C-alpha atoms as a PDB file:
ATOM      1  CA  MET A   1      75.197 138.488 107.638  1.00  0.00           C
ATOM      2  CA  VAL A   2      75.471 136.303 110.081  1.00  0.00           C
ATOM      3  CA  LYS A   3      73.788 133.191 108.707  1.00  0.00           C
ATOM      4  CA  ASN A   4      76.055 133.746 105.469  1.00  0.00           C
ATOM      5  CA  PHE A   5      79.257 134.479 107.584  1.00  0.00           C
ATOM      6  CA  LEU A   6      78.596 130.996 109.194  1.00  0.00           C
ATOM      7  CA  PHE A   7      78.002 129.031 105.689  1.00  0.00           C
ATOM      8  CA  VAL A   8      81.398 130.603 104.198  1.00  0.00           C
ATOM      9  CA  VAL A   9      83.183 129.381 107.211  1.00  0.00           C
ATOM     10  CA  LEU A  10      81.642 125.889 107.184  1.00  0.00           C
ATOM     11  CA  TYR A  11      81.844 125.564 103.646  1.00  0.00           C
ATOM     12  CA  PHE A  12      85.233 125.971 103.804  1.00  0.00           C
ATOM     13  CA  VAL A  13      86.144 123.584 106.729  1.00  0.00           C
ATOM     14  CA  CYS A  14      84.021 120.868 105.491  1.00  0.00           C
ATOM     15  CA  MET A  15      85.960 120.929 102.230  1.00  0.00           C
ATOM     16  CA  PRO A  16      89.520 121.200 103.527  1.00  0.00           C
ATOM     17  CA  GLY A  17      90.966 118.427 101.387  1.00  0.00           C
ATOM     18  CA  MET A  18      90.073 119.440  98.180  1.00  0.00           C
ATOM     19  CA  TYR A  19      90.556 123.076  98.904  1.00  0.00           C
ATOM     20  CA  ALA A  20      94.255 121.672 100.297  1.00  0.00           C
ATOM     21  CA  GLN A  21      94.969 120.183  97.294  1.00  0.00           C
ATOM     22  CA  LEU A  22      93.919 122.983  95.113  1.00  0.00           C
ATOM     23  CA  ILE A  23      96.276 125.287  96.687  1.00  0.00           C
ATOM     24  CA  THR A  24      99.077 122.927  96.394  1.00  0.00           C
ATOM     25  CA  GLU A  25      98.818 122.227  92.750  1.00  0.00           C
ATOM     26  CA  GLN A  26      98.552 125.957  92.104  1.00  0.00           C
ATOM     27  CA  ASP A  27     101.247 127.157  89.767  1.00  0.00           C
ATOM     28  CA  SER A  28     102.001 130.443  90.834  1.00  0.00           C
ATOM     29  CA  THR A  29     103.694 131.416  87.570  1.00  0.00           C
ATOM     30  CA  SER A  30     100.380 131.105  85.405  1.00  0.00           C
ATOM     31  CA  ASN A  31      98.371 133.327  87.418  1.00  0.00           C
ATOM     32  CA  ASN A  32      97.502 131.029  90.340  1.00  0.00           C
ATOM     33  CA  THR A  33      95.604 128.577  87.701  1.00  0.00           C
ATOM     34  CA  PRO A  34      95.839 125.037  89.130  1.00  0.00           C
ATOM     35  CA  ALA A  35      98.178 122.590  87.072  1.00  0.00           C
ATOM     36  CA  ILE A  36      96.715 119.633  86.672  1.00  0.00           C
ATOM     37  CA  ASP A  37      99.185 116.510  86.638  1.00  0.00           C
ATOM     38  CA  PRO A  38      98.491 114.554  83.085  1.00  0.00           C
ATOM     39  CA  VAL A  39      98.921 111.147  84.709  1.00  0.00           C
ATOM     40  CA  ASP A  40      96.334 112.099  86.867  1.00  0.00           C
ATOM     41  CA  ILE A  41      93.864 112.214  83.997  1.00  0.00           C
ATOM     42  CA  GLN A  42      91.224 109.314  85.295  1.00  0.00           C
ATOM     43  CA  SER A  43      91.188 111.254  89.055  1.00  0.00           C
ATOM     44  CA  THR A  44      90.840 114.517  87.159  1.00  0.00           C
ATOM     45  CA  ASN A  45      87.570 113.397  85.365  1.00  0.00           C
ATOM     46  CA  GLN A  46      86.199 112.482  88.496  1.00  0.00           C
ATOM     47  CA  ARG A  47      86.687 115.703  90.337  1.00  0.00           C
ATOM     48  CA  PRO A  48      83.736 117.422  88.667  1.00  0.00           C
ATOM     49  CA  LEU A  49      81.499 115.009  89.821  1.00  0.00           C
ATOM     50  CA  ILE A  50      83.031 115.054  93.553  1.00  0.00           C
ATOM     51  CA  VAL A  51      82.977 119.005  93.759  1.00  0.00           C
ATOM     52  CA  GLY A  52      79.532 119.152  92.249  1.00  0.00           C
ATOM     53  CA  GLY A  53      77.779 116.509  94.613  1.00  0.00           C
ATOM     54  CA  ALA A  54      79.590 117.902  97.559  1.00  0.00           C
ATOM     55  CA  THR A  55      78.339 121.406  96.686  1.00  0.00           C
ATOM     56  CA  VAL A  56      74.556 120.186  96.061  1.00  0.00           C
ATOM     57  CA  ALA A  57      74.722 117.963  99.381  1.00  0.00           C
ATOM     58  CA  PHE A  58      76.145 120.528 101.385  1.00  0.00           C
ATOM     59  CA  THR A  59      74.210 123.328 100.344  1.00  0.00           C
ATOM     60  CA  ALA A  60      70.888 121.313 100.792  1.00  0.00           C
ATOM     61  CA  GLY A  61      71.891 120.120 104.060  1.00  0.00           C
ATOM     62  CA  SER A  62      72.935 123.290 105.442  1.00  0.00           C
ATOM     63  CA  LEU A  63      69.587 124.686 104.462  1.00  0.00           C
ATOM     64  CA  ILE A  64      67.249 122.248 105.791  1.00  0.00           C
ATOM     65  CA  THR A  65      69.466 122.762 108.981  1.00  0.00           C
ATOM     66  CA  LEU A  66      69.310 126.415 108.867  1.00  0.00           C
ATOM     67  CA  ASN A  67      65.325 126.158 108.607  1.00  0.00           C
ATOM     68  CA  HIS A  68      64.559 123.909 111.322  1.00  0.00           C
ATOM     69  CA  ALA A  69      67.501 125.758 113.716  1.00  0.00           C
ATOM     70  CA  TRP A  70      67.548 129.504 112.860  1.00  0.00           C
ATOM     71  CA  TYR A  71      63.983 130.057 112.390  1.00  0.00           C
ATOM     72  CA  LYS A  72      62.207 127.522 114.559  1.00  0.00           C
ATOM     73  CA  ASP A  73      61.614 130.340 117.195  1.00  0.00           C
ATOM     74  CA  HIS A  74      59.587 132.780 114.553  1.00  0.00           C
ATOM     75  CA  VAL A  75      56.220 132.544 113.029  1.00  0.00           C
ATOM     76  CA  ARG A  76      56.166 131.400 109.539  1.00  0.00           C
ATOM     77  CA  THR A  77      54.414 133.416 107.255  1.00  0.00           C
ATOM     78  CA  SER A  78      53.427 133.155 103.472  1.00  0.00           C
ATOM     79  CA  PHE A  79      56.205 134.871 101.324  1.00  0.00           C
ATOM     80  CA  HIS A  80      56.687 138.594 101.737  1.00  0.00           C
ATOM     81  CA  THR A  81      59.052 140.944 100.863  1.00  0.00           C
ATOM     82  CA  PHE A  82      61.007 143.545 103.508  1.00  0.00           C
ATOM     83  CA  ASN A  83      62.342 146.896 102.245  1.00  0.00           C
ATOM     84  CA  ASP A  84      65.967 147.078 104.345  1.00  0.00           C
ATOM     85  CA  SER A  85      67.705 149.157 102.486  1.00  0.00           C
ATOM     86  CA  ARG A  86      68.540 151.843 104.833  1.00  0.00           C
ATOM     87  CA  GLU A  87      69.084 149.578 107.906  1.00  0.00           C
ATOM     88  CA  TRP A  88      71.953 149.819 109.820  1.00  0.00           C
ATOM     89  CA  LEU A  89      73.309 152.489 107.459  1.00  0.00           C
ATOM     90  CA  GLN A  90      74.078 149.822 105.075  1.00  0.00           C
ATOM     91  CA  VAL A  91      76.764 148.095 106.891  1.00  0.00           C
ATOM     92  CA  ASP A  92      74.612 144.985 106.608  1.00  0.00           C
ATOM     93  CA  LYS A  93      74.334 145.218 103.238  1.00  0.00           C
ATOM     94  CA  ILE A  94      78.152 145.288 102.401  1.00  0.00           C
ATOM     95  CA  GLY A  95      78.556 142.534 104.520  1.00  0.00           C
ATOM     96  CA  HIS A  96      76.323 140.338 102.371  1.00  0.00           C
ATOM     97  CA  ALA A  97      78.543 141.656  99.331  1.00  0.00           C
ATOM     98  CA  TRP A  98      81.444 140.249 101.642  1.00  0.00           C
ATOM     99  CA  SER A  99      79.780 136.839 102.222  1.00  0.00           C
ATOM    100  CA  ALA A 100      79.062 136.685  98.213  1.00  0.00           C
ATOM    101  CA  TYR A 101      82.552 137.325  97.308  1.00  0.00           C
ATOM    102  CA  THR A 102      84.129 134.992  99.500  1.00  0.00           C
ATOM    103  CA  PHE A 103      82.014 131.898  99.067  1.00  0.00           C
ATOM    104  CA  SER A 104      82.236 132.860  95.176  1.00  0.00           C
ATOM    105  CA  ARG A 105      86.037 132.847  95.843  1.00  0.00           C
ATOM    106  CA  PHE A 106      86.369 129.475  97.773  1.00  0.00           C
ATOM    107  CA  ALA A 107      83.954 127.609  95.302  1.00  0.00           C
ATOM    108  CA  GLY A 108      85.245 129.157  92.357  1.00  0.00           C
ATOM    109  CA  ASP A 109      88.643 127.590  93.257  1.00  0.00           C
ATOM    110  CA  LEU A 110      87.251 124.634  93.875  1.00  0.00           C
ATOM    111  CA  TRP A 111      85.960 124.177  90.915  1.00  0.00           C
ATOM    112  CA  LYS A 112      88.952 125.163  89.173  1.00  0.00           C
ATOM    113  CA  TRP A 113      90.952 122.157  90.966  1.00  0.00           C
ATOM    114  CA  THR A 114      88.428 119.890  89.237  1.00  0.00           C
ATOM    115  CA  GLY A 115      90.308 120.716  85.681  1.00  0.00           C
ATOM    116  CA  ILE A 116      87.504 122.218  83.867  1.00  0.00           C
ATOM    117  CA  GLU A 117      87.965 125.587  81.937  1.00  0.00           C
ATOM    118  CA  ASP A 118      88.676 128.328  83.940  1.00  0.00           C
ATOM    119  CA  LYS A 119      85.556 130.536  82.779  1.00  0.00           C
ATOM    120  CA  LYS A 120      83.442 127.647  83.370  1.00  0.00           C
ATOM    121  CA  ALA A 121      84.935 127.015  87.049  1.00  0.00           C
ATOM    122  CA  VAL A 122      84.250 131.062  87.720  1.00  0.00           C
ATOM    123  CA  LEU A 123      80.636 130.536  86.463  1.00  0.00           C
ATOM    124  CA  ALA A 124      80.044 127.512  88.392  1.00  0.00           C
ATOM    125  CA  GLY A 125      81.447 128.863  91.847  1.00  0.00           C
ATOM    126  CA  SER A 126      79.530 132.190  90.978  1.00  0.00           C
ATOM    127  CA  VAL A 127      76.362 130.288  90.448  1.00  0.00           C
ATOM    128  CA  SER A 128      76.999 127.897  93.801  1.00  0.00           C
ATOM    129  CA  SER A 129      77.299 131.266  95.818  1.00  0.00           C
ATOM    130  CA  MET A 130      73.947 132.814  94.281  1.00  0.00           C
ATOM    131  CA  VAL A 131      72.103 129.851  94.883  1.00  0.00           C
ATOM    132  CA  TYR A 132      72.777 128.916  98.402  1.00  0.00           C
ATOM    133  CA  LEU A 133      72.233 132.976  99.422  1.00  0.00           C
ATOM    134  CA  THR A 134      69.163 133.291  97.223  1.00  0.00           C
ATOM    135  CA  GLY A 135      67.868 130.068  99.304  1.00  0.00           C
ATOM    136  CA  ILE A 136      68.573 132.098 102.382  1.00  0.00           C
ATOM    137  CA  GLU A 137      66.773 134.983 101.290  1.00  0.00           C
ATOM    138  CA  TYR A 138      63.636 132.921 100.283  1.00  0.00           C
ATOM    139  CA  LEU A 139      63.638 131.341 103.872  1.00  0.00           C
ATOM    140  CA  ASP A 140      63.643 134.776 105.242  1.00  0.00           C
ATOM    141  CA  GLY A 141      60.509 135.832 102.733  1.00  0.00           C
ATOM    142  CA  LEU A 142      59.040 132.891 104.911  1.00  0.00           C
ATOM    143  CA  SER A 143      59.531 134.232 108.550  1.00  0.00           C
ATOM    144  CA  SER A 144      57.963 136.952 110.301  1.00  0.00           C
ATOM    145  CA  LYS A 145      61.009 138.328 111.786  1.00  0.00           C
ATOM    146  CA  TRP A 146      62.590 138.929 108.184  1.00  0.00           C
ATOM    147  CA  GLY A 147      61.334 138.846 104.489  1.00  0.00           C
ATOM    148  CA  TRP A 148      62.489 138.793 101.050  1.00  0.00           C
ATOM    149  CA  SER A 149      65.223 141.773 100.690  1.00  0.00           C
ATOM    150  CA  TRP A 150      65.904 142.996  97.469  1.00  0.00           C
ATOM    151  CA  ALA A 151      68.546 145.147  98.737  1.00  0.00           C
ATOM    152  CA  ASP A 152      70.545 142.087 100.444  1.00  0.00           C
ATOM    153  CA  MET A 153      70.004 140.213  96.580  1.00  0.00           C
ATOM    154  CA  ALA A 154      71.800 143.226  95.189  1.00  0.00           C
ATOM    155  CA  ALA A 155      74.452 143.091  97.742  1.00  0.00           C
ATOM    156  CA  ASN A 156      74.945 139.346  97.410  1.00  0.00           C
ATOM    157  CA  ILE A 157      75.086 140.023  93.402  1.00  0.00           C
ATOM    158  CA  THR A 158      77.360 142.811  93.487  1.00  0.00           C
ATOM    159  CA  GLY A 159      79.715 140.841  95.820  1.00  0.00           C
ATOM    160  CA  THR A 160      79.714 137.801  93.313  1.00  0.00           C
ATOM    161  CA  ALA A 161      80.184 140.248  90.640  1.00  0.00           C
ATOM    162  CA  VAL A 162      83.454 141.309  92.189  1.00  0.00           C
ATOM    163  CA  TYR A 163      84.578 137.778  92.208  1.00  0.00           C
ATOM    164  CA  ALA A 164      83.508 136.848  88.744  1.00  0.00           C
ATOM    165  CA  SER A 165      84.909 140.541  86.491  1.00  0.00           C
ATOM    166  CA  GLN A 166      88.319 140.340  88.093  1.00  0.00           C
ATOM    167  CA  GLU A 167      88.611 136.364  87.373  1.00  0.00           C
ATOM    168  CA  LEU A 168      87.372 137.087  83.539  1.00  0.00           C
ATOM    169  CA  LEU A 169      89.666 140.332  83.684  1.00  0.00           C
ATOM    170  CA  TRP A 170      92.919 139.218  85.170  1.00  0.00           C
ATOM    171  CA  ASN A 171      92.385 135.570  85.938  1.00  0.00           C
ATOM    172  CA  GLU A 172      93.241 136.214  89.497  1.00  0.00           C
ATOM    173  CA  GLN A 173      91.986 138.444  92.305  1.00  0.00           C
ATOM    174  CA  ARG A 174      94.038 141.803  92.847  1.00  0.00           C
ATOM    175  CA  ILE A 175      91.035 143.444  94.770  1.00  0.00           C
ATOM    176  CA  PHE A 176      89.500 141.801  97.826  1.00  0.00           C
ATOM    177  CA  ILE A 177      86.734 142.251  99.773  1.00  0.00           C
ATOM    178  CA  LYS A 178      87.740 141.736 103.244  1.00  0.00           C
ATOM    179  CA  PHE A 179      86.296 141.868 107.098  1.00  0.00           C
ATOM    180  CA  SER A 180      87.209 143.062 110.702  1.00  0.00           C
ATOM    181  CA  THR A 181      85.922 143.273 113.810  1.00  0.00           C
ATOM    182  CA  HIS A 182      86.276 143.693 117.636  1.00  0.00           C
ATOM    183  CA  ASN A 183      84.493 143.687 120.884  1.00  0.00           C
ATOM    184  CA  GLY A 184      83.136 147.271 121.769  1.00  0.00           C
ATOM    185  CA  HIS A 185      81.947 148.640 125.085  1.00  0.00           C
ATOM    186  CA  TYR A 186      78.241 150.175 126.098  1.00  0.00           C
ATOM    187  CA  ASP A 187      77.491 152.703 128.501  1.00  0.00           C
ATOM    188  CA  ALA A 188      75.796 151.037 131.408  1.00  0.00           C
ATOM    189  CA  SER A 189      72.720 152.153 130.540  1.00  0.00           C
ATOM    190  CA  LEU A 190      72.688 150.582 127.051  1.00  0.00           C
ATOM    191  CA  ASN A 191      73.683 147.063 128.308  1.00  0.00           C
ATOM    192  CA  GLU A 192      70.335 145.891 127.775  1.00  0.00           C
ATOM    193  CA  ARG A 193      69.711 146.660 124.493  1.00  0.00           C
ATOM    194  CA  ALA A 194      73.065 145.920 123.344  1.00  0.00           C
ATOM    195  CA  ASN A 195      72.441 142.254 124.803  1.00  0.00           C
ATOM    196  CA  ASP A 196      69.443 142.425 123.574  1.00  0.00           C
ATOM    197  CA  LEU A 197      70.362 143.269 119.665  1.00  0.00           C
ATOM    198  CA  PHE A 198      73.763 141.647 119.595  1.00  0.00           C
ATOM    199  CA  GLY A 199      74.053 139.185 122.134  1.00  0.00           C
ATOM    200  CA  SER A 200      75.940 139.179 125.179  1.00  0.00           C
ATOM    201  CA  ARG A 201      79.170 136.542 124.545  1.00  0.00           C
ATOM    202  CA  ASN A 202      82.015 137.759 122.222  1.00  0.00           C
ATOM    203  CA  MET A 203      81.638 135.681 119.978  1.00  0.00           C
ATOM    204  CA  GLU A 204      77.951 136.692 119.608  1.00  0.00           C
ATOM    205  CA  ARG A 205      79.097 140.545 119.615  1.00  0.00           C
ATOM    206  CA  LEU A 206      81.981 139.779 116.960  1.00  0.00           C
ATOM    207  CA  LEU A 207      79.780 138.427 114.543  1.00  0.00           C
ATOM    208  CA  LYS A 208      76.361 140.649 114.833  1.00  0.00           C
ATOM    209  CA  ASP A 209      77.470 143.608 116.422  1.00  0.00           C
ATOM    210  CA  TYR A 210      77.491 146.495 113.181  1.00  0.00           C
ATOM    211  CA  ASN A 211      78.666 149.062 115.526  1.00  0.00           C
ATOM    212  CA  HIS A 212      82.351 147.307 115.620  1.00  0.00           C
ATOM    213  CA  GLN A 213      82.628 146.137 111.981  1.00  0.00           C
ATOM    214  CA  THR A 214      84.300 147.131 109.432  1.00  0.00           C
ATOM    215  CA  TYR A 215      84.179 145.891 105.404  1.00  0.00           C
ATOM    216  CA  TRP A 216      87.430 146.410 103.342  1.00  0.00           C
ATOM    217  CA  LEU A 217      88.161 146.833  99.759  1.00  0.00           C
ATOM    218  CA  SER A 218      91.716 145.793  99.570  1.00  0.00           C
ATOM    219  CA  GLY A 219      93.992 146.179  96.540  1.00  0.00           C
ATOM    220  CA  ASN A 220      97.335 144.628  95.937  1.00  0.00           C
ATOM    221  CA  LEU A 221      99.637 147.315  95.010  1.00  0.00           C
ATOM    222  CA  LYS A 222     102.120 145.218  93.101  1.00  0.00           C
ATOM    223  CA  SER A 223      98.960 143.547  90.644  1.00  0.00           C
ATOM    224  CA  LEU A 224      97.567 146.761  90.232  1.00  0.00           C
ATOM    225  CA  ILE A 225     100.799 148.759  89.799  1.00  0.00           C
ATOM    226  CA  PRO A 226     103.230 146.410  88.152  1.00  0.00           C
ATOM    227  CA  GLN A 227     106.270 148.966  87.976  1.00  0.00           C
ATOM    228  CA  THR A 228     106.043 149.594  91.669  1.00  0.00           C
ATOM    229  CA  LYS A 229     109.032 148.446  93.576  1.00  0.00           C
ATOM    230  CA  LEU A 230     106.957 147.772  96.685  1.00  0.00           C
ATOM    231  CA  PRO A 231     106.477 144.185  98.261  1.00  0.00           C
ATOM    232  CA  GLY A 232     104.242 141.883  96.291  1.00  0.00           C
ATOM    233  CA  TRP A 233     102.264 141.386  99.111  1.00  0.00           C
ATOM    234  CA  LEU A 234     101.421 144.870 100.296  1.00  0.00           C
ATOM    235  CA  ASN A 235      97.601 146.191  99.953  1.00  0.00           C
ATOM    236  CA  LEU A 236      96.116 149.376 100.509  1.00  0.00           C
ATOM    237  CA  ALA A 237      92.527 148.587 101.874  1.00  0.00           C
ATOM    238  CA  PHE A 238      89.627 151.259 102.161  1.00  0.00           C
ATOM    239  CA  GLY A 239      86.967 150.817 104.673  1.00  0.00           C
ATOM    240  CA  TYR A 240      83.562 151.187 105.525  1.00  0.00           C
ATOM    241  CA  GLY A 241      82.101 151.181 108.963  1.00  0.00           C
ATOM    242  CA  ALA A 242      79.573 152.835 111.258  1.00  0.00           C
ATOM    243  CA  GLU A 243      78.567 153.296 115.313  1.00  0.00           C
ATOM    244  CA  GLY A 244      75.902 154.495 117.489  1.00  0.00           C
ATOM    245  CA  MET A 245      73.272 152.440 116.073  1.00  0.00           C
ATOM    246  CA  LEU A 246      70.958 150.878 118.413  1.00  0.00           C
ATOM    247  CA  GLY A 247      68.169 149.956 115.939  1.00  0.00           C
ATOM    248  CA  GLY A 248      67.922 148.807 112.562  1.00  0.00           C
ATOM    249  CA  PHE A 249      66.743 152.133 111.390  1.00  0.00           C
ATOM    250  CA  GLU A 250      66.398 154.413 114.419  1.00  0.00           C
ATOM    251  CA  ASN A 251      67.656 154.701 117.820  1.00  0.00           C
ATOM    252  CA  LYS A 252      63.921 154.158 119.255  1.00  0.00           C
ATOM    253  CA  TRP A 253      63.113 150.910 121.074  1.00  0.00           C
ATOM    254  CA  ILE A 254      60.593 148.967 123.226  1.00  0.00           C
ATOM    255  CA  ASP A 255      62.816 147.448 126.213  1.00  0.00           C
ATOM    256  CA  LYS A 256      61.720 144.127 128.182  1.00  0.00           C
ATOM    257  CA  SER A 257      59.791 146.158 130.670  1.00  0.00           C
ATOM    258  CA  ASN A 258      57.245 147.340 127.462  1.00  0.00           C
ATOM    259  CA  ILE A 259      58.787 150.610 128.263  1.00  0.00           C
ATOM    260  CA  ALA A 260      59.538 153.014 125.028  1.00  0.00           C
ATOM    261  CA  ARG A 261      63.279 154.006 124.873  1.00  0.00           C
ATOM    262  CA  GLU A 262      64.596 156.727 122.961  1.00  0.00           C
ATOM    263  CA  ARG A 263      68.531 157.693 122.663  1.00  0.00           C
ATOM    264  CA  PHE A 264      68.307 160.527 119.693  1.00  0.00           C
ATOM    265  CA  ASP A 265      71.035 161.971 121.323  1.00  0.00           C
ATOM    266  CA  ILE A 266      73.353 159.349 119.926  1.00  0.00           C
ATOM    267  CA  ASP A 267      74.565 160.185 116.787  1.00  0.00           C
ATOM    268  CA  ARG A 268      74.091 157.350 113.986  1.00  0.00           C
ATOM    269  CA  VAL A 269      77.428 158.340 112.195  1.00  0.00           C
ATOM    270  CA  ARG A 270      79.034 156.739 108.876  1.00  0.00           C
ATOM    271  CA  GLN A 271      83.193 155.770 108.979  1.00  0.00           C
ATOM    272  CA  PHE A 272      85.707 155.884 106.385  1.00  0.00           C
ATOM    273  CA  TYR A 273      89.105 153.910 106.925  1.00  0.00           C
ATOM    274  CA  ILE A 274      92.210 153.996 104.798  1.00  0.00           C
ATOM    275  CA  SER A 275      95.084 151.413 106.315  1.00  0.00           C
ATOM    276  CA  PRO A 276      97.577 149.189 104.675  1.00  0.00           C
ATOM    277  CA  ASP A 277      96.755 145.638 104.501  1.00  0.00           C
ATOM    278  CA  ILE A 278      98.548 142.369 103.277  1.00  0.00           C
ATOM    279  CA  ASP A 279      97.509 140.271 100.594  1.00  0.00           C
ATOM    280  CA  PHE A 280      98.627 136.643 102.340  1.00  0.00           C
ATOM    281  CA  THR A 281      98.185 134.943  99.034  1.00  0.00           C
ATOM    282  CA  LYS A 282     101.551 136.710  97.516  1.00  0.00           C
ATOM    283  CA  ILE A 283     103.488 135.289 100.431  1.00  0.00           C
ATOM    284  CA  LYS A 284     105.615 132.248  99.106  1.00  0.00           C
ATOM    285  CA  THR A 285     105.786 129.122 100.922  1.00  0.00           C
ATOM    286  CA  ASN A 286     105.981 125.467  99.677  1.00  0.00           C
ATOM    287  CA  LYS A 287     103.873 124.285 102.680  1.00  0.00           C
ATOM    288  CA  LYS A 288     100.418 123.071 101.865  1.00  0.00           C
ATOM    289  CA  GLY A 289      98.746 123.973 105.155  1.00  0.00           C
ATOM    290  CA  LEU A 290     100.256 127.170 105.101  1.00  0.00           C
ATOM    291  CA  LYS A 291      99.051 128.051 101.814  1.00  0.00           C
ATOM    292  CA  THR A 292      95.271 126.686 102.697  1.00  0.00           C
ATOM    293  CA  LEU A 293      95.714 129.156 105.869  1.00  0.00           C
ATOM    294  CA  PHE A 294      97.205 131.807 104.081  1.00  0.00           C
ATOM    295  CA  SER A 295      94.208 131.738 101.523  1.00  0.00           C
ATOM    296  CA  PHE A 296      91.901 131.942 104.125  1.00  0.00           C
ATOM    297  CA  LEU A 297      93.141 134.602 106.184  1.00  0.00           C
ATOM    298  CA  ASN A 298      92.530 136.418 102.778  1.00  0.00           C
ATOM    299  CA  CYS A 299      89.184 136.996 103.843  1.00  0.00           C
ATOM    300  CA  ILE A 300      90.145 139.206 107.066  1.00  0.00           C
ATOM    301  CA  LYS A 301      91.742 142.664 107.155  1.00  0.00           C
ATOM    302  CA  VAL A 302      94.962 142.383 109.204  1.00  0.00           C
ATOM    303  CA  PRO A 303      95.157 144.838 112.054  1.00  0.00           C
ATOM    304  CA  ALA A 304      97.221 147.864 111.154  1.00  0.00           C
ATOM    305  CA  PRO A 305      97.867 151.361 111.631  1.00  0.00           C
ATOM    306  CA  ALA A 306      94.691 153.500 110.164  1.00  0.00           C
ATOM    307  CA  ILE A 307      92.845 157.057 109.379  1.00  0.00           C
ATOM    308  CA  MET A 308      89.432 157.349 110.000  1.00  0.00           C
ATOM    309  CA  ILE A 309      87.106 160.093 108.930  1.00  0.00           C
ATOM    310  CA  ASN A 310      83.554 160.363 109.755  1.00  0.00           C
ATOM    311  CA  SER A 311      80.194 161.560 108.304  1.00  0.00           C
ATOM    312  CA  LYS A 312      80.642 164.369 110.845  1.00  0.00           C
ATOM    313  CA  GLY A 313      84.011 165.257 109.699  1.00  0.00           C
ATOM    314  CA  LYS A 314      86.040 164.082 112.643  1.00  0.00           C
ATOM    315  CA  VAL A 315      89.421 162.672 111.749  1.00  0.00           C
ATOM    316  CA  LYS A 316      90.879 160.086 113.949  1.00  0.00           C
ATOM    317  CA  ALA A 317      94.547 157.714 113.758  1.00  0.00           C
ATOM    318  CA  TYR A 318      94.594 154.421 114.906  1.00  0.00           C
ATOM    319  CA  ALA A 319      98.145 153.090 115.999  1.00  0.00           C
ATOM    320  CA  VAL A 320      96.654 149.735 115.352  1.00  0.00           C
ATOM    321  CA  TYR A 321      92.642 149.288 113.994  1.00  0.00           C
ATOM    322  CA  PHE A 322      91.099 146.037 114.053  1.00  0.00           C
END
């Protein structure tokens, strides 16, 4: 999940000019389809080559870099699989779906900027996402610490399908997959284990700590229910997370002193949320920078009041939940 998250961010950051130009050209009256200026036909004809070349170069370059940087400290093996479908109460799997969805959306929008037919742009964006994520999974399959995961691949396909199906059906995204996270605290007796699993720095914890991540399906109410008088930017989001996880499959591990540890007294609990949200793309502005920022912010669930019910039947209300 962390590798995928970083790539999504880097992809957006490394192609800001094209993406900002795309957002500026979008016609709000035509379901967000980019409006290509007829006087710019020659430039438009070059755009597929620009986006295609940039995507291939960035994907290949990032995978090569990832192969040398991320996997260098782990023994390489022959290609093998690993069944992690029950790991982390599936929070990491939904993280894969979020990564695939978000990258597909960014890439699809860039392909729309080229002026090619919308259906082809959706296909190109989806293929770009799946090629990269499959490349990561292949590298996992050659590492002793991981392995090719069919569950990860299923999650990647699901996230891409959520993007593509909405574009083909509605020519817009009415339901977003979003992400939220916050720094959590552990009992002093668990600090060593938490640091080993999730890192000791705040940024590491935000990206790695599955106990404090939530993934959301955030639907735009006005798009889904056109007759409503609610604001066009208002979404309703349903979230999933978990807590009490001190290992992928169970709360049992070997510490740095080679001593077996068990914390079966700590329950591994699923959590389900409901909360209002914002569709930033529905906020009207003529500022190019703000439109680009709003598109990126739609990856993230905004802090808001929330109600949680967990798999033990406990209900909790939050004034503001991150």
